[in-house]
Amino acid sequence: MLYEIRTYRLKNGAIPAYLKVVEEEGIAIQKKHLGELVAYFFSEIGPINEIVHIWAYRSLDDRERRRAALMEDPAWRAFLPKIRDLIEVAENKIMKAARFSPTGGSVS
């Protein structure tokens, strides 16, 4: 299992607006295509104005297929402008869980 960790630094004060539009519209579109949402966080202490969401995939090919389907969805393309201007910086990581992780994992 692979985990995609997406971190967005939002414009100052944009977290409430971002979370509102994602909750009301965006997350349903993402779940339809991306599958397993592991977690969705926003910063409380530490670096401010951060959103972190984590998605699980069977493989890099699975992720690529699912993300391509998301990008082809007209509803997602219509949704993107609602959050695009709220995001200042985006970072993306692909992580593998250690065998002893609560999420399960394996050694390559």
PDB file of N, CA and C in Angstrom:
ATOM      1  N   MET A   1       0.840  -1.173   0.000  1.00  0.00           N
ATOM      2  CA  MET A   1       0.000   0.000   0.000  1.00  0.00           C
ATOM      3  C   MET A   1       0.887   1.239   0.000  1.00  0.00           C
ATOM      4  N   LEU A   2       0.520   2.207  -0.831  1.00  0.00           N
ATOM      5  CA  LEU A   2       1.218   3.485  -0.881  1.00  0.00           C
ATOM      6  C   LEU A   2       0.300   4.578  -0.355  1.00  0.00           C
ATOM      7  N   TYR A   3       0.914   5.589   0.232  1.00  0.00           N
ATOM      8  CA  TYR A   3       0.155   6.714   0.769  1.00  0.00           C
ATOM      9  C   TYR A   3       0.633   7.996   0.108  1.00  0.00           C
ATOM     10  N   GLU A   4      -0.302   8.723  -0.428  1.00  0.00           N
ATOM     11  CA  GLU A   4      -0.005  10.031  -1.003  1.00  0.00           C
ATOM     12  C   GLU A   4      -0.352  11.076   0.054  1.00  0.00           C
ATOM     13  N   ILE A   5       0.638  11.864   0.416  1.00  0.00           N
ATOM     14  CA  ILE A   5       0.446  12.916   1.410  1.00  0.00           C
ATOM     15  C   ILE A   5       0.540  14.251   0.675  1.00  0.00           C
ATOM     16  N   ARG A   6      -0.593  14.935   0.573  1.00  0.00           N
ATOM     17  CA  ARG A   6      -0.665  16.213  -0.121  1.00  0.00           C
ATOM     18  C   ARG A   6      -0.765  17.318   0.929  1.00  0.00           C
ATOM     19  N   THR A   7       0.165  18.262   0.875  1.00  0.00           N
ATOM     20  CA  THR A   7       0.191  19.375   1.819  1.00  0.00           C
ATOM     21  C   THR A   7       0.039  20.673   1.041  1.00  0.00           C
ATOM     22  N   TYR A   8      -0.941  21.464   1.439  1.00  0.00           N
ATOM     23  CA  TYR A   8      -1.165  22.767   0.814  1.00  0.00           C
ATOM     24  C   TYR A   8      -0.975  23.859   1.858  1.00  0.00           C
ATOM     25  N   ARG A   9      -0.209  24.886   1.499  1.00  0.00           N
ATOM     26  CA  ARG A   9      -0.170  26.081   2.326  1.00  0.00           C
ATOM     27  C   ARG A   9      -1.127  27.066   1.685  1.00  0.00           C
ATOM     28  N   LEU A  10      -2.123  27.474   2.457  1.00  0.00           N
ATOM     29  CA  LEU A  10      -3.156  28.363   1.950  1.00  0.00           C
ATOM     30  C   LEU A  10      -2.820  29.812   2.251  1.00  0.00           C
ATOM     31  N   LYS A  11      -3.523  30.694   1.574  1.00  0.00           N
ATOM     32  CA  LYS A  11      -3.411  32.116   1.884  1.00  0.00           C
ATOM     33  C   LYS A  11      -3.873  32.334   3.312  1.00  0.00           C
ATOM     34  N   ASN A  12      -3.328  33.365   3.941  1.00  0.00           N
ATOM     35  CA  ASN A  12      -3.671  33.663   5.323  1.00  0.00           C
ATOM     36  C   ASN A  12      -5.184  33.801   5.491  1.00  0.00           C
ATOM     37  N   GLY A  13      -5.725  33.044   6.430  1.00  0.00           N
ATOM     38  CA  GLY A  13      -7.147  33.110   6.743  1.00  0.00           C
ATOM     39  C   GLY A  13      -8.055  32.323   5.824  1.00  0.00           C
ATOM     40  N   ALA A  14      -7.507  31.560   4.884  1.00  0.00           N
ATOM     41  CA  ALA A  14      -8.320  30.867   3.880  1.00  0.00           C
ATOM     42  C   ALA A  14      -8.804  29.483   4.310  1.00  0.00           C
ATOM     43  N   ILE A  15      -8.345  28.973   5.444  1.00  0.00           N
ATOM     44  CA  ILE A  15      -8.726  27.613   5.840  1.00  0.00           C
ATOM     45  C   ILE A  15     -10.248  27.444   5.951  1.00  0.00           C
ATOM     46  N   PRO A  16     -10.984  28.319   6.625  1.00  0.00           N
ATOM     47  CA  PRO A  16     -12.434  28.101   6.711  1.00  0.00           C
ATOM     48  C   PRO A  16     -13.124  28.033   5.342  1.00  0.00           C
ATOM     49  N   ALA A  17     -12.775  28.925   4.428  1.00  0.00           N
ATOM     50  CA  ALA A  17     -13.390  28.919   3.097  1.00  0.00           C
ATOM     51  C   ALA A  17     -13.013  27.653   2.334  1.00  0.00           C
ATOM     52  N   TYR A  18     -11.745  27.250   2.433  1.00  0.00           N
ATOM     53  CA  TYR A  18     -11.276  26.037   1.753  1.00  0.00           C
ATOM     54  C   TYR A  18     -12.020  24.809   2.275  1.00  0.00           C
ATOM     55  N   LEU A  19     -12.049  24.645   3.594  1.00  0.00           N
ATOM     56  CA  LEU A  19     -12.708  23.476   4.174  1.00  0.00           C
ATOM     57  C   LEU A  19     -14.198  23.442   3.839  1.00  0.00           C
ATOM     58  N   LYS A  20     -14.838  24.593   3.815  1.00  0.00           N
ATOM     59  CA  LYS A  20     -16.269  24.657   3.519  1.00  0.00           C
ATOM     60  C   LYS A  20     -16.560  24.148   2.107  1.00  0.00           C
ATOM     61  N   VAL A  21     -15.840  24.655   1.130  1.00  0.00           N
ATOM     62  CA  VAL A  21     -16.104  24.258  -0.249  1.00  0.00           C
ATOM     63  C   VAL A  21     -15.691  22.802  -0.506  1.00  0.00           C
ATOM     64  N   VAL A  22     -14.627  22.343   0.135  1.00  0.00           N
ATOM     65  CA  VAL A  22     -14.224  20.940  -0.015  1.00  0.00           C
ATOM     66  C   VAL A  22     -15.287  20.032   0.609  1.00  0.00           C
ATOM     67  N   GLU A  23     -15.740  20.376   1.813  1.00  0.00           N
ATOM     68  CA  GLU A  23     -16.750  19.553   2.480  1.00  0.00           C
ATOM     69  C   GLU A  23     -18.058  19.518   1.697  1.00  0.00           C
ATOM     70  N   GLU A  24     -18.479  20.656   1.199  1.00  0.00           N
ATOM     71  CA  GLU A  24     -19.769  20.740   0.516  1.00  0.00           C
ATOM     72  C   GLU A  24     -19.749  20.159  -0.886  1.00  0.00           C
ATOM     73  N   GLU A  25     -18.593  20.139  -1.531  1.00  0.00           N
ATOM     74  CA  GLU A  25     -18.569  19.775  -2.941  1.00  0.00           C
ATOM     75  C   GLU A  25     -17.388  18.889  -3.340  1.00  0.00           C
ATOM     76  N   GLY A  26     -16.190  19.300  -2.987  1.00  0.00           N
ATOM     77  CA  GLY A  26     -14.992  18.659  -3.522  1.00  0.00           C
ATOM     78  C   GLY A  26     -14.711  17.255  -3.041  1.00  0.00           C
ATOM     79  N   ILE A  27     -14.917  16.996  -1.764  1.00  0.00           N
ATOM     80  CA  ILE A  27     -14.508  15.697  -1.225  1.00  0.00           C
ATOM     81  C   ILE A  27     -15.305  14.551  -1.843  1.00  0.00           C
ATOM     82  N   ALA A  28     -16.568  14.772  -2.151  1.00  0.00           N
ATOM     83  CA  ALA A  28     -17.382  13.715  -2.775  1.00  0.00           C
ATOM     84  C   ALA A  28     -16.836  13.360  -4.154  1.00  0.00           C
ATOM     85  N   ILE A  29     -16.405  14.364  -4.895  1.00  0.00           N
ATOM     86  CA  ILE A  29     -15.834  14.111  -6.222  1.00  0.00           C
ATOM     87  C   ILE A  29     -14.529  13.344  -6.078  1.00  0.00           C
ATOM     88  N   GLN A  30     -13.689  13.759  -5.138  1.00  0.00           N
ATOM     89  CA  GLN A  30     -12.419  13.074  -4.934  1.00  0.00           C
ATOM     90  C   GLN A  30     -12.627  11.622  -4.511  1.00  0.00           C
ATOM     91  N   LYS A  31     -13.502  11.392  -3.549  1.00  0.00           N
ATOM     92  CA  LYS A  31     -13.731  10.027  -3.069  1.00  0.00           C
ATOM     93  C   LYS A  31     -14.264   9.125  -4.177  1.00  0.00           C
ATOM     94  N   LYS A  32     -15.063   9.691  -5.067  1.00  0.00           N
ATOM     95  CA  LYS A  32     -15.610   8.916  -6.198  1.00  0.00           C
ATOM     96  C   LYS A  32     -14.485   8.309  -7.028  1.00  0.00           C
ATOM     97  N   HIS A  33     -13.393   9.057  -7.193  1.00  0.00           N
ATOM     98  CA  HIS A  33     -12.310   8.608  -8.068  1.00  0.00           C
ATOM     99  C   HIS A  33     -11.098   8.082  -7.308  1.00  0.00           C
ATOM    100  N   LEU A  34     -10.727   8.745  -6.226  1.00  0.00           N
ATOM    101  CA  LEU A  34      -9.473   8.411  -5.557  1.00  0.00           C
ATOM    102  C   LEU A  34      -9.596   7.255  -4.587  1.00  0.00           C
ATOM    103  N   GLY A  35     -10.797   6.987  -4.105  1.00  0.00           N
ATOM    104  CA  GLY A  35     -10.971   5.841  -3.231  1.00  0.00           C
ATOM    105  C   GLY A  35     -10.753   6.139  -1.775  1.00  0.00           C
ATOM    106  N   GLU A  36      -9.719   5.550  -1.195  1.00  0.00           N
ATOM    107  CA  GLU A  36      -9.559   5.540   0.256  1.00  0.00           C
ATOM    108  C   GLU A  36      -8.898   6.795   0.810  1.00  0.00           C
ATOM    109  N   LEU A  37      -9.721   7.639   1.430  1.00  0.00           N
ATOM    110  CA  LEU A  37      -9.219   8.799   2.152  1.00  0.00           C
ATOM    111  C   LEU A  37      -8.795   8.331   3.538  1.00  0.00           C
ATOM    112  N   VAL A  38      -7.517   8.478   3.859  1.00  0.00           N
ATOM    113  CA  VAL A  38      -6.984   8.046   5.151  1.00  0.00           C
ATOM    114  C   VAL A  38      -7.196   9.133   6.201  1.00  0.00           C
ATOM    115  N   ALA A  39      -6.949  10.385   5.817  1.00  0.00           N
ATOM    116  CA  ALA A  39      -7.076  11.495   6.774  1.00  0.00           C
ATOM    117  C   ALA A  39      -7.132  12.815   6.018  1.00  0.00           C
ATOM    118  N   TYR A  40      -7.729  13.805   6.680  1.00  0.00           N
ATOM    119  CA  TYR A  40      -7.782  15.176   6.144  1.00  0.00           C
ATOM    120  C   TYR A  40      -7.600  16.097   7.336  1.00  0.00           C
ATOM    121  N   PHE A  41      -6.510  16.844   7.363  1.00  0.00           N
ATOM    122  CA  PHE A  41      -6.154  17.674   8.511  1.00  0.00           C
ATOM    123  C   PHE A  41      -5.996  19.135   8.125  1.00  0.00           C
ATOM    124  N   PHE A  42      -6.112  20.006   9.131  1.00  0.00           N
ATOM    125  CA  PHE A  42      -5.683  21.394   8.985  1.00  0.00           C
ATOM    126  C   PHE A  42      -4.867  21.749  10.215  1.00  0.00           C
ATOM    127  N   SER A  43      -3.940  22.684  10.035  1.00  0.00           N
ATOM    128  CA  SER A  43      -3.003  23.000  11.116  1.00  0.00           C
ATOM    129  C   SER A  43      -3.678  23.790  12.222  1.00  0.00           C
ATOM    130  N   GLU A  44      -3.283  23.474  13.439  1.00  0.00           N
ATOM    131  CA  GLU A  44      -3.757  24.166  14.633  1.00  0.00           C
ATOM    132  C   GLU A  44      -2.577  24.848  15.335  1.00  0.00           C
ATOM    133  N   ILE A  45      -1.464  24.119  15.436  1.00  0.00           N
ATOM    134  CA  ILE A  45      -0.240  24.632  16.044  1.00  0.00           C
ATOM    135  C   ILE A  45       0.901  24.260  15.111  1.00  0.00           C
ATOM    136  N   GLY A  46       1.895  25.113  15.007  1.00  0.00           N
ATOM    137  CA  GLY A  46       3.003  24.868  14.092  1.00  0.00           C
ATOM    138  C   GLY A  46       2.825  25.732  12.858  1.00  0.00           C
ATOM    139  N   PRO A  47       3.295  25.258  11.709  1.00  0.00           N
ATOM    140  CA  PRO A  47       3.105  26.050  10.488  1.00  0.00           C
ATOM    141  C   PRO A  47       1.608  26.315  10.281  1.00  0.00           C
ATOM    142  N   ILE A  48       1.275  27.573  10.110  1.00  0.00           N
ATOM    143  CA  ILE A  48      -0.142  27.923  10.001  1.00  0.00           C
ATOM    144  C   ILE A  48      -0.618  27.832   8.552  1.00  0.00           C
ATOM    145  N   ASN A  49      -1.933  27.797   8.409  1.00  0.00           N
ATOM    146  CA  ASN A  49      -2.578  27.801   7.094  1.00  0.00           C
ATOM    147  C   ASN A  49      -2.232  26.577   6.256  1.00  0.00           C
ATOM    148  N   GLU A  50      -2.081  25.424   6.901  1.00  0.00           N
ATOM    149  CA  GLU A  50      -1.768  24.202   6.165  1.00  0.00           C
ATOM    150  C   GLU A  50      -2.943  23.227   6.181  1.00  0.00           C
ATOM    151  N   ILE A  51      -3.107  22.588   5.033  1.00  0.00           N
ATOM    152  CA  ILE A  51      -4.056  21.490   4.856  1.00  0.00           C
ATOM    153  C   ILE A  51      -3.235  20.270   4.470  1.00  0.00           C
ATOM    154  N   VAL A  52      -3.506  19.132   5.079  1.00  0.00           N
ATOM    155  CA  VAL A  52      -2.837  17.883   4.717  1.00  0.00           C
ATOM    156  C   VAL A  52      -3.911  16.834   4.507  1.00  0.00           C
ATOM    157  N   HIS A  53      -3.886  16.187   3.342  1.00  0.00           N
ATOM    158  CA  HIS A  53      -4.779  15.057   3.146  1.00  0.00           C
ATOM    159  C   HIS A  53      -3.982  13.873   2.638  1.00  0.00           C
ATOM    160  N   ILE A  54      -4.406  12.692   3.082  1.00  0.00           N
ATOM    161  CA  ILE A  54      -3.674  11.458   2.816  1.00  0.00           C
ATOM    162  C   ILE A  54      -4.618  10.463   2.148  1.00  0.00           C
ATOM    163  N   TRP A  55      -4.161   9.927   1.019  1.00  0.00           N
ATOM    164  CA  TRP A  55      -4.935   8.954   0.248  1.00  0.00           C
ATOM    165  C   TRP A  55      -4.128   7.674   0.118  1.00  0.00           C
ATOM    166  N   ALA A  56      -4.793   6.528   0.170  1.00  0.00           N
ATOM    167  CA  ALA A  56      -4.120   5.234   0.042  1.00  0.00           C
ATOM    168  C   ALA A  56      -4.359   4.656  -1.349  1.00  0.00           C
ATOM    169  N   TYR A  57      -3.305   4.041  -1.902  1.00  0.00           N
ATOM    170  CA  TYR A  57      -3.378   3.404  -3.221  1.00  0.00           C
ATOM    171  C   TYR A  57      -2.680   2.054  -3.163  1.00  0.00           C
ATOM    172  N   ARG A  58      -3.105   1.151  -4.023  1.00  0.00           N
ATOM    173  CA  ARG A  58      -2.486  -0.172  -4.096  1.00  0.00           C
ATOM    174  C   ARG A  58      -1.067  -0.096  -4.687  1.00  0.00           C
ATOM    175  N   SER A  59      -0.887   0.852  -5.635  1.00  0.00           N
ATOM    176  CA  SER A  59       0.389   0.957  -6.337  1.00  0.00           C
ATOM    177  C   SER A  59       0.466   2.329  -7.008  1.00  0.00           C
ATOM    178  N   LEU A  60       1.622   2.632  -7.582  1.00  0.00           N
ATOM    179  CA  LEU A  60       1.751   3.880  -8.337  1.00  0.00           C
ATOM    180  C   LEU A  60       0.844   3.864  -9.566  1.00  0.00           C
ATOM    181  N   ASP A  61       0.693   2.693 -10.181  1.00  0.00           N
ATOM    182  CA  ASP A  61      -0.207   2.586 -11.332  1.00  0.00           C
ATOM    183  C   ASP A  61      -1.656   2.850 -10.925  1.00  0.00           C
ATOM    184  N   ASP A  62      -2.049   2.324  -9.779  1.00  0.00           N
ATOM    185  CA  ASP A  62      -3.399   2.565  -9.262  1.00  0.00           C
ATOM    186  C   ASP A  62      -3.604   4.058  -9.040  1.00  0.00           C
ATOM    187  N   ARG A  63      -2.629   4.706  -8.413  1.00  0.00           N
ATOM    188  CA  ARG A  63      -2.719   6.153  -8.178  1.00  0.00           C
ATOM    189  C   ARG A  63      -2.831   6.913  -9.491  1.00  0.00           C
ATOM    190  N   GLU A  64      -1.977   6.577 -10.438  1.00  0.00           N
ATOM    191  CA  GLU A  64      -1.981   7.279 -11.722  1.00  0.00           C
ATOM    192  C   GLU A  64      -3.330   7.140 -12.428  1.00  0.00           C
ATOM    193  N   ARG A  65      -3.878   5.948 -12.427  1.00  0.00           N
ATOM    194  CA  ARG A  65      -5.171   5.703 -13.066  1.00  0.00           C
ATOM    195  C   ARG A  65      -6.275   6.499 -12.382  1.00  0.00           C
ATOM    196  N   ARG A  66      -6.296   6.465 -11.064  1.00  0.00           N
ATOM    197  CA  ARG A  66      -7.335   7.165 -10.308  1.00  0.00           C
ATOM    198  C   ARG A  66      -7.232   8.685 -10.454  1.00  0.00           C
ATOM    199  N   ARG A  67      -6.017   9.223 -10.405  1.00  0.00           N
ATOM    200  CA  ARG A  67      -5.848  10.671 -10.545  1.00  0.00           C
ATOM    201  C   ARG A  67      -6.194  11.123 -11.958  1.00  0.00           C
ATOM    202  N   ALA A  68      -5.882  10.313 -12.955  1.00  0.00           N
ATOM    203  CA  ALA A  68      -6.249  10.654 -14.335  1.00  0.00           C
ATOM    204  C   ALA A  68      -7.768  10.705 -14.478  1.00  0.00           C
ATOM    205  N   ALA A  69      -8.459   9.751 -13.874  1.00  0.00           N
ATOM    206  CA  ALA A  69      -9.925   9.745 -13.928  1.00  0.00           C
ATOM    207  C   ALA A  69     -10.496  10.983 -13.235  1.00  0.00           C
ATOM    208  N   LEU A  70      -9.909  11.374 -12.113  1.00  0.00           N
ATOM    209  CA  LEU A  70     -10.354  12.583 -11.415  1.00  0.00           C
ATOM    210  C   LEU A  70     -10.194  13.798 -12.311  1.00  0.00           C
ATOM    211  N   MET A  71      -9.040  13.924 -12.955  1.00  0.00           N
ATOM    212  CA  MET A  71      -8.782  15.093 -13.790  1.00  0.00           C
ATOM    213  C   MET A  71      -9.681  15.141 -15.027  1.00  0.00           C
ATOM    214  N   GLU A  72     -10.207  14.011 -15.444  1.00  0.00           N
ATOM    215  CA  GLU A  72     -11.112  13.966 -16.598  1.00  0.00           C
ATOM    216  C   GLU A  72     -12.560  14.275 -16.224  1.00  0.00           C
ATOM    217  N   ASP A  73     -12.865  14.252 -14.945  1.00  0.00           N
ATOM    218  CA  ASP A  73     -14.241  14.473 -14.493  1.00  0.00           C
ATOM    219  C   ASP A  73     -14.612  15.956 -14.645  1.00  0.00           C
ATOM    220  N   PRO A  74     -15.646  16.274 -15.432  1.00  0.00           N
ATOM    221  CA  PRO A  74     -16.044  17.669 -15.602  1.00  0.00           C
ATOM    222  C   PRO A  74     -16.422  18.353 -14.278  1.00  0.00           C
ATOM    223  N   ALA A  75     -16.979  17.609 -13.356  1.00  0.00           N
ATOM    224  CA  ALA A  75     -17.338  18.186 -12.055  1.00  0.00           C
ATOM    225  C   ALA A  75     -16.080  18.623 -11.303  1.00  0.00           C
ATOM    226  N   TRP A  76     -15.002  17.841 -11.391  1.00  0.00           N
ATOM    227  CA  TRP A  76     -13.753  18.208 -10.728  1.00  0.00           C
ATOM    228  C   TRP A  76     -13.128  19.434 -11.390  1.00  0.00           C
ATOM    229  N   ARG A  77     -13.137  19.457 -12.718  1.00  0.00           N
ATOM    230  CA  ARG A  77     -12.575  20.608 -13.427  1.00  0.00           C
ATOM    231  C   ARG A  77     -13.356  21.883 -13.112  1.00  0.00           C
ATOM    232  N   ALA A  78     -14.667  21.763 -12.912  1.00  0.00           N
ATOM    233  CA  ALA A  78     -15.479  22.924 -12.534  1.00  0.00           C
ATOM    234  C   ALA A  78     -15.205  23.335 -11.084  1.00  0.00           C
ATOM    235  N   PHE A  79     -14.863  22.367 -10.244  1.00  0.00           N
ATOM    236  CA  PHE A  79     -14.594  22.630  -8.834  1.00  0.00           C
ATOM    237  C   PHE A  79     -13.232  23.296  -8.605  1.00  0.00           C
ATOM    238  N   LEU A  80     -12.215  22.907  -9.350  1.00  0.00           N
ATOM    239  CA  LEU A  80     -10.846  23.366  -9.108  1.00  0.00           C
ATOM    240  C   LEU A  80     -10.692  24.878  -8.956  1.00  0.00           C
ATOM    241  N   PRO A  81     -11.326  25.708  -9.777  1.00  0.00           N
ATOM    242  CA  PRO A  81     -11.160  27.166  -9.585  1.00  0.00           C
ATOM    243  C   PRO A  81     -11.638  27.658  -8.216  1.00  0.00           C
ATOM    244  N   LYS A  82     -12.487  26.917  -7.549  1.00  0.00           N
ATOM    245  CA  LYS A  82     -12.993  27.322  -6.243  1.00  0.00           C
ATOM    246  C   LYS A  82     -11.928  27.217  -5.155  1.00  0.00           C
ATOM    247  N   ILE A  83     -10.912  26.386  -5.369  1.00  0.00           N
ATOM    248  CA  ILE A  83      -9.840  26.241  -4.373  1.00  0.00           C
ATOM    249  C   ILE A  83      -8.493  26.724  -4.879  1.00  0.00           C
ATOM    250  N   ARG A  84      -8.319  26.765  -6.181  1.00  0.00           N
ATOM    251  CA  ARG A  84      -7.008  27.070  -6.768  1.00  0.00           C
ATOM    252  C   ARG A  84      -6.418  28.376  -6.236  1.00  0.00           C
ATOM    253  N   ASP A  85      -7.211  29.420  -6.164  1.00  0.00           N
ATOM    254  CA  ASP A  85      -6.688  30.716  -5.727  1.00  0.00           C
ATOM    255  C   ASP A  85      -6.486  30.809  -4.216  1.00  0.00           C
ATOM    256  N   LEU A  86      -6.951  29.808  -3.476  1.00  0.00           N
ATOM    257  CA  LEU A  86      -6.730  29.784  -2.030  1.00  0.00           C
ATOM    258  C   LEU A  86      -5.385  29.150  -1.675  1.00  0.00           C
ATOM    259  N   ILE A  87      -4.817  28.378  -2.597  1.00  0.00           N
ATOM    260  CA  ILE A  87      -3.582  27.621  -2.362  1.00  0.00           C
ATOM    261  C   ILE A  87      -2.381  28.430  -2.824  1.00  0.00           C
ATOM    262  N   GLU A  88      -1.404  28.598  -1.925  1.00  0.00           N
ATOM    263  CA  GLU A  88      -0.163  29.293  -2.287  1.00  0.00           C
ATOM    264  C   GLU A  88       0.935  28.314  -2.702  1.00  0.00           C
ATOM    265  N   VAL A  89       1.079  27.223  -1.945  1.00  0.00           N
ATOM    266  CA  VAL A  89       2.132  26.242  -2.204  1.00  0.00           C
ATOM    267  C   VAL A  89       1.542  24.847  -2.031  1.00  0.00           C
ATOM    268  N   ALA A  90       1.901  23.945  -2.930  1.00  0.00           N
ATOM    269  CA  ALA A  90       1.455  22.557  -2.827  1.00  0.00           C
ATOM    270  C   ALA A  90       2.672  21.640  -2.813  1.00  0.00           C
ATOM    271  N   GLU A  91       2.614  20.626  -1.960  1.00  0.00           N
ATOM    272  CA  GLU A  91       3.686  19.629  -1.870  1.00  0.00           C
ATOM    273  C   GLU A  91       3.031  18.259  -1.885  1.00  0.00           C
ATOM    274  N   ASN A  92       3.670  17.333  -2.536  1.00  0.00           N
ATOM    275  CA  ASN A  92       3.121  15.996  -2.664  1.00  0.00           C
ATOM    276  C   ASN A  92       4.214  14.975  -2.369  1.00  0.00           C
ATOM    277  N   LYS A  93       3.899  13.993  -1.520  1.00  0.00           N
ATOM    278  CA  LYS A  93       4.838  12.919  -1.200  1.00  0.00           C
ATOM    279  C   LYS A  93       4.134  11.582  -1.388  1.00  0.00           C
ATOM    280  N   ILE A  94       4.890  10.594  -1.804  1.00  0.00           N
ATOM    281  CA  ILE A  94       4.410   9.214  -1.836  1.00  0.00           C
ATOM    282  C   ILE A  94       5.218   8.456  -0.784  1.00  0.00           C
ATOM    283  N   MET A  95       4.511   7.839   0.147  1.00  0.00           N
ATOM    284  CA  MET A  95       5.153   7.156   1.268  1.00  0.00           C
ATOM    285  C   MET A  95       4.693   5.692   1.315  1.00  0.00           C
ATOM    286  N   LYS A  96       5.562   4.846   1.837  1.00  0.00           N
ATOM    287  CA  LYS A  96       5.222   3.444   2.092  1.00  0.00           C
ATOM    288  C   LYS A  96       5.209   3.242   3.599  1.00  0.00           C
ATOM    289  N   ALA A  97       4.243   2.472   4.077  1.00  0.00           N
ATOM    290  CA  ALA A  97       4.155   2.193   5.505  1.00  0.00           C
ATOM    291  C   ALA A  97       5.142   1.089   5.892  1.00  0.00           C
ATOM    292  N   ALA A  98       5.762   1.266   7.046  1.00  0.00           N
ATOM    293  CA  ALA A  98       6.606   0.189   7.601  1.00  0.00           C
ATOM    294  C   ALA A  98       5.717  -0.961   8.026  1.00  0.00           C
ATOM    295  N   ARG A  99       6.268  -2.131   8.057  1.00  0.00           N
ATOM    296  CA  ARG A  99       5.510  -3.332   8.400  1.00  0.00           C
ATOM    297  C   ARG A  99       4.792  -3.180   9.737  1.00  0.00           C
ATOM    298  N   PHE A 100       5.383  -2.488  10.692  1.00  0.00           N
ATOM    299  CA  PHE A 100       4.796  -2.353  12.031  1.00  0.00           C
ATOM    300  C   PHE A 100       3.845  -1.154  12.165  1.00  0.00           C
ATOM    301  N   SER A 101       3.652  -0.416  11.085  1.00  0.00           N
ATOM    302  CA  SER A 101       2.739   0.739  11.119  1.00  0.00           C
ATOM    303  C   SER A 101       1.300   0.279  11.357  1.00  0.00           C
ATOM    304  N   PRO A 102       0.509   1.058  12.112  1.00  0.00           N
ATOM    305  CA  PRO A 102      -0.903   0.700  12.307  1.00  0.00           C
ATOM    306  C   PRO A 102      -1.671   0.598  10.989  1.00  0.00           C
ATOM    307  N   THR A 103      -1.201   1.285   9.950  1.00  0.00           N
ATOM    308  CA  THR A 103      -1.878   1.216   8.656  1.00  0.00           C
ATOM    309  C   THR A 103      -1.502  -0.046   7.881  1.00  0.00           C
ATOM    310  N   GLY A 104      -0.533  -0.758   8.345  1.00  0.00           N
ATOM    311  CA  GLY A 104      -0.064  -1.955   7.643  1.00  0.00           C
ATOM    312  C   GLY A 104       0.992  -1.560   6.627  1.00  0.00           C
ATOM    313  N   GLY A 105       1.860  -2.448   6.341  1.00  0.00           N
ATOM    314  CA  GLY A 105       2.920  -2.141   5.388  1.00  0.00           C
ATOM    315  C   GLY A 105       3.726  -3.371   5.108  1.00  0.00           C
ATOM    316  N   SER A 106       4.727  -3.187   4.295  1.00  0.00           N
ATOM    317  CA  SER A 106       5.597  -4.302   3.955  1.00  0.00           C
ATOM    318  C   SER A 106       6.993  -3.761   3.674  1.00  0.00           C
ATOM    319  N   VAL A 107       7.923  -4.639   3.648  1.00  0.00           N
ATOM    320  CA  VAL A 107       9.310  -4.292   3.330  1.00  0.00           C
ATOM    321  C   VAL A 107       9.542  -4.652   1.878  1.00  0.00           C
ATOM    322  N   SER A 108      10.136  -3.738   1.136  1.00  0.00           N
ATOM    323  CA  SER A 108      10.427  -4.002  -0.289  1.00  0.00           C
ATOM    324  C   SER A 108      11.583  -4.947  -0.436  1.00  0.00           C
TER     325      SER A 108
END
